[in-house]
Amino acid sequence: MITTSRLTLIPLTLDQLRLYIADNYRLEESLGLQKGNRVAGELVLSIIMHFTIPRLQDPTRDPLFHTMWLAIDRQKQQFVAEAKFKGEPDETGTVEIGYGTYPSLHRLGYMSEMVSGLVAWAEQQPGVRRVVADTDTENVASQKVLEKNGFRLFDRIENMLWWEYTFD
């Protein structure tokens, strides 16, 4: 669990991921949270079913680098954003992060705060020296999240921009 000024970031267990995909509110009920704006889109559900769950079932993998992390607004007692690492650090100490917030909660700073918390957590993990993320060239909001968190642009491949945050 990670705490930021407004948020509590929780890594979902395998059972919690199953509730996440079961329907929109069983997970919230299990955690005593209010129903909110969480929307389980088809892409996220596919990632969870085909990548996240199988990797969490593999005891040789570190679950914190493979599960979905959800952000809870402590005042509202609702989920407001989600993110995930895309695996353990590679041989260069790099981890990749993906993230998103729910459409009705855009531009409220939740994503910037969540990314900040996850980057701070990653810096404390053995073997992690760098966090990378990609954004579509037209996704200015996502680019601003990364810029606010000290990421720098290091590559462009077609319509994807690649960003990095390096630990000193």
N, C-alpha and C. Protein backbone atom coordinates (compact mmCIF):
# COMPACT_ATOMS: atom_id res chain seq x y z
N MET A 1 0.85 -1.17 0.00
CA MET A 1 0.00 0.00 0.00
C MET A 1 0.90 1.24 0.00
N ILE A 2 0.48 2.25 -0.76
CA ILE A 2 1.20 3.51 -0.87
C ILE A 2 0.22 4.63 -0.52
N THR A 3 0.69 5.59 0.26
CA THR A 3 -0.16 6.72 0.62
C THR A 3 0.41 8.00 0.04
N THR A 4 -0.44 8.79 -0.62
CA THR A 4 -0.07 10.12 -1.11
C THR A 4 -0.97 11.12 -0.39
N SER A 5 -0.94 12.38 -0.80
CA SER A 5 -1.72 13.38 -0.05
C SER A 5 -3.21 13.08 -0.02
N ARG A 6 -3.79 12.64 -1.13
CA ARG A 6 -5.23 12.35 -1.17
C ARG A 6 -5.56 10.89 -1.36
N LEU A 7 -4.58 10.11 -1.79
CA LEU A 7 -4.87 8.77 -2.27
C LEU A 7 -4.22 7.67 -1.44
N THR A 8 -4.85 6.52 -1.46
CA THR A 8 -4.24 5.28 -1.01
C THR A 8 -4.17 4.38 -2.23
N LEU A 9 -2.97 3.92 -2.57
CA LEU A 9 -2.77 3.05 -3.73
C LEU A 9 -2.63 1.63 -3.24
N ILE A 10 -3.48 0.75 -3.77
CA ILE A 10 -3.45 -0.64 -3.32
C ILE A 10 -3.17 -1.58 -4.50
N PRO A 11 -2.28 -2.53 -4.29
CA PRO A 11 -2.07 -3.57 -5.31
C PRO A 11 -3.12 -4.66 -5.13
N LEU A 12 -3.81 -5.00 -6.19
CA LEU A 12 -4.87 -6.00 -6.08
C LEU A 12 -4.30 -7.41 -5.99
N THR A 13 -4.91 -8.21 -5.12
CA THR A 13 -4.58 -9.63 -5.03
C THR A 13 -5.27 -10.36 -6.18
N LEU A 14 -4.94 -11.62 -6.33
CA LEU A 14 -5.57 -12.43 -7.37
C LEU A 14 -7.08 -12.49 -7.16
N ASP A 15 -7.52 -12.70 -5.93
CA ASP A 15 -8.96 -12.73 -5.65
C ASP A 15 -9.62 -11.39 -5.94
N GLN A 16 -8.95 -10.29 -5.61
CA GLN A 16 -9.50 -8.97 -5.87
C GLN A 16 -9.58 -8.70 -7.38
N LEU A 17 -8.60 -9.17 -8.14
CA LEU A 17 -8.66 -9.03 -9.60
C LEU A 17 -9.86 -9.78 -10.17
N ARG A 18 -10.14 -10.93 -9.61
CA ARG A 18 -11.31 -11.69 -10.07
C ARG A 18 -12.60 -10.93 -9.78
N LEU A 19 -12.65 -10.24 -8.64
CA LEU A 19 -13.82 -9.41 -8.34
C LEU A 19 -13.88 -8.20 -9.28
N TYR A 20 -12.72 -7.65 -9.60
CA TYR A 20 -12.64 -6.50 -10.51
C TYR A 20 -13.31 -6.83 -11.84
N ILE A 21 -13.03 -8.05 -12.36
CA ILE A 21 -13.59 -8.41 -13.67
C ILE A 21 -14.99 -9.02 -13.58
N ALA A 22 -15.43 -9.41 -12.36
CA ALA A 22 -16.74 -10.05 -12.20
C ALA A 22 -17.88 -9.10 -12.56
N ASP A 23 -17.86 -7.93 -11.99
CA ASP A 23 -18.82 -6.89 -12.33
C ASP A 23 -18.29 -5.57 -11.78
N ASN A 24 -19.02 -4.50 -11.99
CA ASN A 24 -18.47 -3.19 -11.65
C ASN A 24 -18.35 -2.88 -10.17
N TYR A 25 -19.04 -3.58 -9.27
CA TYR A 25 -19.01 -3.11 -7.89
C TYR A 25 -18.71 -4.16 -6.82
N ARG A 26 -18.50 -5.42 -7.20
CA ARG A 26 -18.20 -6.43 -6.18
C ARG A 26 -16.88 -6.14 -5.47
N LEU A 27 -15.93 -5.60 -6.19
CA LEU A 27 -14.65 -5.26 -5.57
C LEU A 27 -14.83 -4.15 -4.54
N GLU A 28 -15.56 -3.12 -4.91
CA GLU A 28 -15.82 -2.03 -3.97
C GLU A 28 -16.52 -2.53 -2.72
N GLU A 29 -17.54 -3.37 -2.90
CA GLU A 29 -18.27 -3.92 -1.76
C GLU A 29 -17.34 -4.71 -0.84
N SER A 30 -16.43 -5.48 -1.41
CA SER A 30 -15.53 -6.30 -0.61
C SER A 30 -14.56 -5.45 0.21
N LEU A 31 -14.28 -4.25 -0.25
CA LEU A 31 -13.34 -3.35 0.45
C LEU A 31 -14.05 -2.27 1.26
N GLY A 32 -15.39 -2.29 1.27
CA GLY A 32 -16.14 -1.29 2.02
C GLY A 32 -16.07 0.09 1.41
N LEU A 33 -15.93 0.16 0.09
CA LEU A 33 -15.85 1.44 -0.60
C LEU A 33 -17.17 1.80 -1.26
N GLN A 34 -17.33 3.07 -1.56
CA GLN A 34 -18.52 3.56 -2.26
C GLN A 34 -18.43 3.18 -3.74
N LYS A 35 -19.59 2.93 -4.34
CA LYS A 35 -19.62 2.76 -5.79
C LYS A 35 -19.21 4.09 -6.39
N GLY A 36 -18.44 4.03 -7.44
CA GLY A 36 -17.94 5.28 -8.01
C GLY A 36 -17.99 5.27 -9.51
N ASN A 37 -16.91 5.73 -10.09
CA ASN A 37 -16.84 5.94 -11.53
C ASN A 37 -15.97 4.90 -12.24
N ARG A 38 -15.59 3.85 -11.52
CA ARG A 38 -14.71 2.84 -12.13
C ARG A 38 -15.42 2.18 -13.30
N VAL A 39 -14.72 2.14 -14.41
CA VAL A 39 -15.23 1.52 -15.62
C VAL A 39 -14.18 0.51 -16.08
N ALA A 40 -14.58 -0.73 -16.17
CA ALA A 40 -13.66 -1.78 -16.63
C ALA A 40 -13.80 -1.91 -18.14
N GLY A 41 -12.94 -1.21 -18.88
CA GLY A 41 -12.99 -1.24 -20.34
C GLY A 41 -12.50 -2.57 -20.90
N GLU A 42 -12.84 -2.82 -22.15
CA GLU A 42 -12.49 -4.09 -22.79
C GLU A 42 -10.99 -4.32 -22.84
N LEU A 43 -10.21 -3.28 -23.13
CA LEU A 43 -8.76 -3.44 -23.20
C LEU A 43 -8.19 -3.84 -21.83
N VAL A 44 -8.62 -3.15 -20.78
CA VAL A 44 -8.12 -3.47 -19.44
C VAL A 44 -8.55 -4.87 -19.02
N LEU A 45 -9.78 -5.23 -19.29
CA LEU A 45 -10.25 -6.59 -18.96
C LEU A 45 -9.43 -7.65 -19.69
N SER A 46 -9.11 -7.40 -20.95
CA SER A 46 -8.31 -8.34 -21.72
C SER A 46 -6.91 -8.47 -21.14
N ILE A 47 -6.30 -7.35 -20.76
CA ILE A 47 -4.96 -7.38 -20.15
C ILE A 47 -5.00 -8.18 -18.85
N ILE A 48 -6.01 -7.93 -18.04
CA ILE A 48 -6.12 -8.64 -16.76
C ILE A 48 -6.28 -10.15 -16.98
N MET A 49 -7.18 -10.53 -17.88
CA MET A 49 -7.45 -11.95 -18.08
C MET A 49 -6.31 -12.69 -18.77
N HIS A 50 -5.65 -12.06 -19.74
CA HIS A 50 -4.65 -12.76 -20.54
C HIS A 50 -3.22 -12.57 -20.07
N PHE A 51 -2.95 -11.55 -19.27
CA PHE A 51 -1.58 -11.29 -18.81
C PHE A 51 -1.47 -11.26 -17.29
N THR A 52 -2.29 -10.41 -16.67
CA THR A 52 -2.13 -10.17 -15.23
C THR A 52 -2.43 -11.41 -14.41
N ILE A 53 -3.59 -12.00 -14.58
CA ILE A 53 -3.96 -13.17 -13.79
C ILE A 53 -2.98 -14.33 -14.01
N PRO A 54 -2.64 -14.69 -15.26
CA PRO A 54 -1.67 -15.78 -15.43
C PRO A 54 -0.32 -15.48 -14.76
N ARG A 55 0.13 -14.25 -14.81
CA ARG A 55 1.41 -13.92 -14.19
C ARG A 55 1.32 -13.97 -12.66
N LEU A 56 0.18 -13.58 -12.11
CA LEU A 56 0.02 -13.66 -10.66
C LEU A 56 -0.06 -15.11 -10.18
N GLN A 57 -0.43 -16.01 -11.05
CA GLN A 57 -0.49 -17.42 -10.69
C GLN A 57 0.89 -18.08 -10.76
N ASP A 58 1.87 -17.37 -11.26
CA ASP A 58 3.24 -17.89 -11.36
C ASP A 58 4.01 -17.45 -10.12
N PRO A 59 4.35 -18.39 -9.23
CA PRO A 59 5.00 -18.02 -7.97
C PRO A 59 6.42 -17.48 -8.14
N THR A 60 6.99 -17.59 -9.33
CA THR A 60 8.34 -17.07 -9.54
C THR A 60 8.35 -15.58 -9.85
N ARG A 61 7.18 -15.00 -10.06
CA ARG A 61 7.08 -13.57 -10.41
C ARG A 61 6.71 -12.75 -9.18
N ASP A 62 7.21 -11.53 -9.13
CA ASP A 62 6.86 -10.60 -8.05
C ASP A 62 5.49 -10.00 -8.37
N PRO A 63 4.47 -10.32 -7.58
CA PRO A 63 3.11 -9.86 -7.91
C PRO A 63 2.97 -8.34 -7.96
N LEU A 64 3.75 -7.60 -7.20
CA LEU A 64 3.61 -6.15 -7.18
C LEU A 64 4.00 -5.51 -8.51
N PHE A 65 4.80 -6.21 -9.30
CA PHE A 65 5.18 -5.70 -10.62
C PHE A 65 4.27 -6.23 -11.73
N HIS A 66 3.27 -7.03 -11.38
CA HIS A 66 2.38 -7.60 -12.40
C HIS A 66 0.90 -7.30 -12.15
N THR A 67 0.54 -6.91 -10.97
CA THR A 67 -0.88 -6.70 -10.67
C THR A 67 -1.34 -5.31 -11.06
N MET A 68 -2.63 -5.11 -10.96
CA MET A 68 -3.24 -3.79 -11.15
C MET A 68 -3.20 -3.08 -9.80
N TRP A 69 -2.81 -1.82 -9.81
CA TRP A 69 -2.85 -0.96 -8.62
C TRP A 69 -4.03 -0.02 -8.80
N LEU A 70 -4.86 0.12 -7.77
CA LEU A 70 -5.98 1.05 -7.83
C LEU A 70 -5.77 2.16 -6.80
N ALA A 71 -6.19 3.36 -7.19
CA ALA A 71 -6.09 4.53 -6.30
C ALA A 71 -7.44 4.80 -5.69
N ILE A 72 -7.45 4.92 -4.37
CA ILE A 72 -8.67 5.24 -3.62
C ILE A 72 -8.55 6.68 -3.14
N ASP A 73 -9.54 7.51 -3.47
CA ASP A 73 -9.62 8.84 -2.88
C ASP A 73 -10.15 8.63 -1.46
N ARG A 74 -9.31 8.93 -0.47
CA ARG A 74 -9.69 8.63 0.91
C ARG A 74 -10.90 9.44 1.37
N GLN A 75 -11.07 10.64 0.89
CA GLN A 75 -12.22 11.45 1.31
C GLN A 75 -13.52 10.90 0.71
N LYS A 76 -13.48 10.57 -0.58
CA LYS A 76 -14.67 10.06 -1.25
C LYS A 76 -14.91 8.57 -0.99
N GLN A 77 -13.84 7.86 -0.57
CA GLN A 77 -13.89 6.41 -0.39
C GLN A 77 -14.33 5.71 -1.67
N GLN A 78 -13.69 6.13 -2.79
CA GLN A 78 -13.98 5.57 -4.11
C GLN A 78 -12.68 5.37 -4.88
N PHE A 79 -12.71 4.41 -5.81
CA PHE A 79 -11.61 4.27 -6.75
C PHE A 79 -11.64 5.44 -7.72
N VAL A 80 -10.46 5.99 -8.03
CA VAL A 80 -10.41 7.14 -8.93
C VAL A 80 -9.43 6.95 -10.09
N ALA A 81 -8.52 5.97 -9.99
CA ALA A 81 -7.53 5.77 -11.05
C ALA A 81 -6.93 4.39 -10.90
N GLU A 82 -6.23 3.95 -11.95
CA GLU A 82 -5.57 2.65 -11.90
C GLU A 82 -4.29 2.69 -12.72
N ALA A 83 -3.38 1.81 -12.36
CA ALA A 83 -2.10 1.74 -13.07
C ALA A 83 -1.53 0.34 -12.88
N LYS A 84 -0.51 0.04 -13.65
CA LYS A 84 0.20 -1.22 -13.45
C LYS A 84 1.59 -1.11 -14.02
N PHE A 85 2.49 -1.85 -13.39
CA PHE A 85 3.81 -2.05 -13.96
C PHE A 85 3.65 -3.19 -14.94
N LYS A 86 4.50 -3.21 -15.95
CA LYS A 86 4.39 -4.24 -16.98
C LYS A 86 5.44 -5.33 -16.81
N GLY A 87 5.80 -5.58 -15.56
CA GLY A 87 6.75 -6.63 -15.25
C GLY A 87 7.86 -6.13 -14.35
N GLU A 88 8.67 -7.10 -13.89
CA GLU A 88 9.81 -6.78 -13.04
C GLU A 88 10.85 -6.00 -13.81
N PRO A 89 11.81 -5.43 -13.08
CA PRO A 89 12.89 -4.70 -13.77
C PRO A 89 13.65 -5.62 -14.73
N ASP A 90 13.99 -5.08 -15.89
CA ASP A 90 14.80 -5.85 -16.85
C ASP A 90 16.27 -5.75 -16.46
N GLU A 91 17.14 -6.25 -17.33
CA GLU A 91 18.57 -6.28 -17.03
C GLU A 91 19.19 -4.89 -16.87
N THR A 92 18.52 -3.85 -17.36
CA THR A 92 19.02 -2.49 -17.19
C THR A 92 18.40 -1.80 -15.98
N GLY A 93 17.52 -2.49 -15.26
CA GLY A 93 16.85 -1.89 -14.10
C GLY A 93 15.63 -1.07 -14.48
N THR A 94 15.11 -1.31 -15.68
CA THR A 94 13.97 -0.55 -16.19
C THR A 94 12.66 -1.28 -15.95
N VAL A 95 11.65 -0.54 -15.46
CA VAL A 95 10.28 -1.03 -15.40
C VAL A 95 9.42 -0.09 -16.21
N GLU A 96 8.37 -0.64 -16.80
CA GLU A 96 7.43 0.17 -17.58
C GLU A 96 6.13 0.29 -16.80
N ILE A 97 5.52 1.46 -16.89
CA ILE A 97 4.25 1.71 -16.20
C ILE A 97 3.19 2.13 -17.23
N GLY A 98 1.96 1.67 -16.99
CA GLY A 98 0.81 2.11 -17.76
C GLY A 98 -0.23 2.58 -16.77
N TYR A 99 -1.07 3.53 -17.16
CA TYR A 99 -2.00 4.11 -16.21
C TYR A 99 -3.21 4.71 -16.91
N GLY A 100 -4.26 4.96 -16.12
CA GLY A 100 -5.45 5.61 -16.64
C GLY A 100 -6.40 5.97 -15.52
N THR A 101 -7.22 6.95 -15.80
CA THR A 101 -8.27 7.33 -14.87
C THR A 101 -9.60 7.24 -15.60
N TYR A 102 -10.66 7.35 -14.88
CA TYR A 102 -11.98 7.16 -15.45
C TYR A 102 -12.45 8.46 -16.09
N PRO A 103 -13.16 8.38 -17.22
CA PRO A 103 -13.50 9.58 -17.99
C PRO A 103 -14.11 10.72 -17.18
N SER A 104 -14.96 10.42 -16.24
CA SER A 104 -15.61 11.49 -15.48
C SER A 104 -14.66 12.15 -14.47
N LEU A 105 -13.44 11.60 -14.31
CA LEU A 105 -12.50 12.13 -13.32
C LEU A 105 -11.24 12.72 -13.95
N HIS A 106 -11.28 12.97 -15.25
CA HIS A 106 -10.12 13.58 -15.91
C HIS A 106 -9.89 14.99 -15.36
N ARG A 107 -8.64 15.40 -15.39
CA ARG A 107 -8.21 16.77 -15.04
C ARG A 107 -8.41 17.14 -13.57
N LEU A 108 -8.38 16.14 -12.70
CA LEU A 108 -8.49 16.40 -11.27
C LEU A 108 -7.19 16.10 -10.52
N GLY A 109 -6.14 15.76 -11.27
CA GLY A 109 -4.83 15.52 -10.68
C GLY A 109 -4.62 14.14 -10.10
N TYR A 110 -5.62 13.26 -10.22
CA TYR A 110 -5.48 11.93 -9.64
C TYR A 110 -4.34 11.15 -10.30
N MET A 111 -4.26 11.22 -11.62
CA MET A 111 -3.25 10.43 -12.32
C MET A 111 -1.85 10.92 -11.99
N SER A 112 -1.66 12.22 -11.95
CA SER A 112 -0.34 12.76 -11.59
C SER A 112 0.07 12.29 -10.20
N GLU A 113 -0.88 12.32 -9.27
CA GLU A 113 -0.59 11.91 -7.90
C GLU A 113 -0.31 10.41 -7.82
N MET A 114 -1.06 9.61 -8.57
CA MET A 114 -0.84 8.18 -8.54
C MET A 114 0.52 7.82 -9.14
N VAL A 115 0.86 8.41 -10.29
CA VAL A 115 2.15 8.13 -10.92
C VAL A 115 3.28 8.55 -9.98
N SER A 116 3.14 9.67 -9.32
CA SER A 116 4.15 10.12 -8.36
C SER A 116 4.37 9.09 -7.27
N GLY A 117 3.28 8.57 -6.71
CA GLY A 117 3.38 7.57 -5.66
C GLY A 117 4.02 6.28 -6.14
N LEU A 118 3.68 5.84 -7.34
CA LEU A 118 4.25 4.60 -7.87
C LEU A 118 5.72 4.75 -8.22
N VAL A 119 6.10 5.92 -8.73
CA VAL A 119 7.51 6.15 -9.04
C VAL A 119 8.33 6.18 -7.75
N ALA A 120 7.81 6.83 -6.73
CA ALA A 120 8.51 6.86 -5.43
C ALA A 120 8.65 5.44 -4.87
N TRP A 121 7.61 4.63 -5.00
CA TRP A 121 7.67 3.24 -4.55
C TRP A 121 8.72 2.47 -5.35
N ALA A 122 8.69 2.64 -6.68
CA ALA A 122 9.63 1.91 -7.55
C ALA A 122 11.08 2.24 -7.20
N GLU A 123 11.33 3.49 -6.85
CA GLU A 123 12.69 3.90 -6.51
C GLU A 123 13.23 3.13 -5.30
N GLN A 124 12.35 2.69 -4.44
CA GLN A 124 12.75 1.96 -3.22
C GLN A 124 12.93 0.46 -3.46
N GLN A 125 12.60 -0.01 -4.66
CA GLN A 125 12.66 -1.45 -4.94
C GLN A 125 14.03 -1.84 -5.45
N PRO A 126 14.57 -2.94 -4.94
CA PRO A 126 15.88 -3.40 -5.40
C PRO A 126 15.89 -3.63 -6.91
N GLY A 127 16.95 -3.17 -7.55
CA GLY A 127 17.12 -3.42 -8.97
C GLY A 127 16.43 -2.44 -9.89
N VAL A 128 15.62 -1.52 -9.38
CA VAL A 128 14.93 -0.56 -10.24
C VAL A 128 15.76 0.72 -10.32
N ARG A 129 16.12 1.09 -11.55
CA ARG A 129 16.90 2.31 -11.76
C ARG A 129 16.21 3.30 -12.69
N ARG A 130 15.11 2.84 -13.33
CA ARG A 130 14.47 3.68 -14.34
C ARG A 130 13.03 3.22 -14.53
N VAL A 131 12.14 4.20 -14.74
CA VAL A 131 10.74 3.91 -15.07
C VAL A 131 10.47 4.53 -16.44
N VAL A 132 9.84 3.77 -17.32
CA VAL A 132 9.48 4.29 -18.64
C VAL A 132 7.97 4.19 -18.82
N ALA A 133 7.48 5.01 -19.75
CA ALA A 133 6.05 4.99 -20.10
C ALA A 133 5.92 5.46 -21.53
N ASP A 134 4.86 5.03 -22.19
CA ASP A 134 4.61 5.52 -23.55
C ASP A 134 3.27 6.24 -23.58
N THR A 135 3.19 7.22 -24.47
CA THR A 135 1.93 7.93 -24.69
C THR A 135 1.74 8.13 -26.18
N ASP A 136 0.50 8.18 -26.58
CA ASP A 136 0.18 8.52 -27.96
C ASP A 136 0.55 9.99 -28.18
N THR A 137 1.00 10.32 -29.39
CA THR A 137 1.40 11.70 -29.67
C THR A 137 0.26 12.69 -29.45
N GLU A 138 -0.98 12.23 -29.56
CA GLU A 138 -2.12 13.13 -29.38
C GLU A 138 -2.66 13.16 -27.95
N ASN A 139 -2.14 12.33 -27.08
CA ASN A 139 -2.63 12.26 -25.70
C ASN A 139 -1.86 13.26 -24.82
N VAL A 140 -2.21 14.52 -24.98
CA VAL A 140 -1.52 15.60 -24.27
C VAL A 140 -1.70 15.47 -22.76
N ALA A 141 -2.86 15.06 -22.30
CA ALA A 141 -3.10 14.93 -20.86
C ALA A 141 -2.13 13.92 -20.24
N SER A 142 -1.93 12.79 -20.90
CA SER A 142 -1.01 11.78 -20.39
C SER A 142 0.43 12.30 -20.42
N GLN A 143 0.78 13.03 -21.44
CA GLN A 143 2.11 13.63 -21.52
C GLN A 143 2.34 14.60 -20.37
N LYS A 144 1.32 15.37 -20.03
CA LYS A 144 1.44 16.32 -18.92
C LYS A 144 1.62 15.61 -17.58
N VAL A 145 0.95 14.47 -17.41
CA VAL A 145 1.13 13.67 -16.19
C VAL A 145 2.61 13.30 -16.04
N LEU A 146 3.21 12.85 -17.12
CA LEU A 146 4.61 12.44 -17.06
C LEU A 146 5.53 13.64 -16.85
N GLU A 147 5.27 14.73 -17.55
CA GLU A 147 6.09 15.93 -17.38
C GLU A 147 6.03 16.44 -15.94
N LYS A 148 4.84 16.45 -15.34
CA LYS A 148 4.68 16.90 -13.96
C LYS A 148 5.47 16.04 -12.98
N ASN A 149 5.69 14.77 -13.38
CA ASN A 149 6.41 13.84 -12.51
C ASN A 149 7.89 13.72 -12.85
N GLY A 150 8.40 14.63 -13.66
CA GLY A 150 9.83 14.66 -13.94
C GLY A 150 10.32 13.70 -15.00
N PHE A 151 9.41 13.09 -15.76
CA PHE A 151 9.82 12.24 -16.87
C PHE A 151 10.32 13.12 -18.00
N ARG A 152 11.24 12.57 -18.78
CA ARG A 152 11.71 13.29 -19.97
C ARG A 152 11.49 12.43 -21.20
N LEU A 153 11.17 13.08 -22.29
CA LEU A 153 10.96 12.40 -23.56
C LEU A 153 12.31 11.89 -24.08
N PHE A 154 12.36 10.61 -24.46
CA PHE A 154 13.63 10.09 -24.97
C PHE A 154 13.52 9.41 -26.32
N ASP A 155 12.29 9.17 -26.82
CA ASP A 155 12.18 8.51 -28.12
C ASP A 155 10.77 8.72 -28.69
N ARG A 156 10.69 8.57 -30.01
CA ARG A 156 9.41 8.58 -30.69
C ARG A 156 9.45 7.47 -31.73
N ILE A 157 8.44 6.61 -31.69
CA ILE A 157 8.30 5.56 -32.68
C ILE A 157 6.91 5.70 -33.27
N GLU A 158 6.86 6.16 -34.51
CA GLU A 158 5.60 6.46 -35.20
C GLU A 158 4.76 7.40 -34.34
N ASN A 159 3.57 6.95 -33.89
CA ASN A 159 2.70 7.86 -33.11
C ASN A 159 2.84 7.68 -31.60
N MET A 160 3.92 6.99 -31.17
CA MET A 160 4.14 6.78 -29.73
C MET A 160 5.35 7.56 -29.26
N LEU A 161 5.16 8.25 -28.14
CA LEU A 161 6.26 8.95 -27.48
C LEU A 161 6.69 8.12 -26.29
N TRP A 162 8.00 8.00 -26.08
CA TRP A 162 8.54 7.23 -24.96
C TRP A 162 9.21 8.17 -23.99
N TRP A 163 8.87 7.99 -22.72
CA TRP A 163 9.31 8.86 -21.63
C TRP A 163 10.07 8.03 -20.61
N GLU A 164 10.99 8.69 -19.87
CA GLU A 164 11.73 7.99 -18.83
C GLU A 164 11.94 8.87 -17.61
N TYR A 165 12.00 8.20 -16.48
CA TYR A 165 12.38 8.82 -15.20
C TYR A 165 13.53 7.96 -14.68
N THR A 166 14.68 8.59 -14.49
CA THR A 166 15.86 7.86 -14.06
C THR A 166 16.20 8.24 -12.63
N PHE A 167 16.49 7.24 -11.81
CA PHE A 167 16.88 7.47 -10.43
C PHE A 167 18.38 7.73 -10.38
N ASP A 168 18.77 8.72 -9.61
CA ASP A 168 20.20 9.04 -9.49
C ASP A 168 20.88 8.15 -8.48
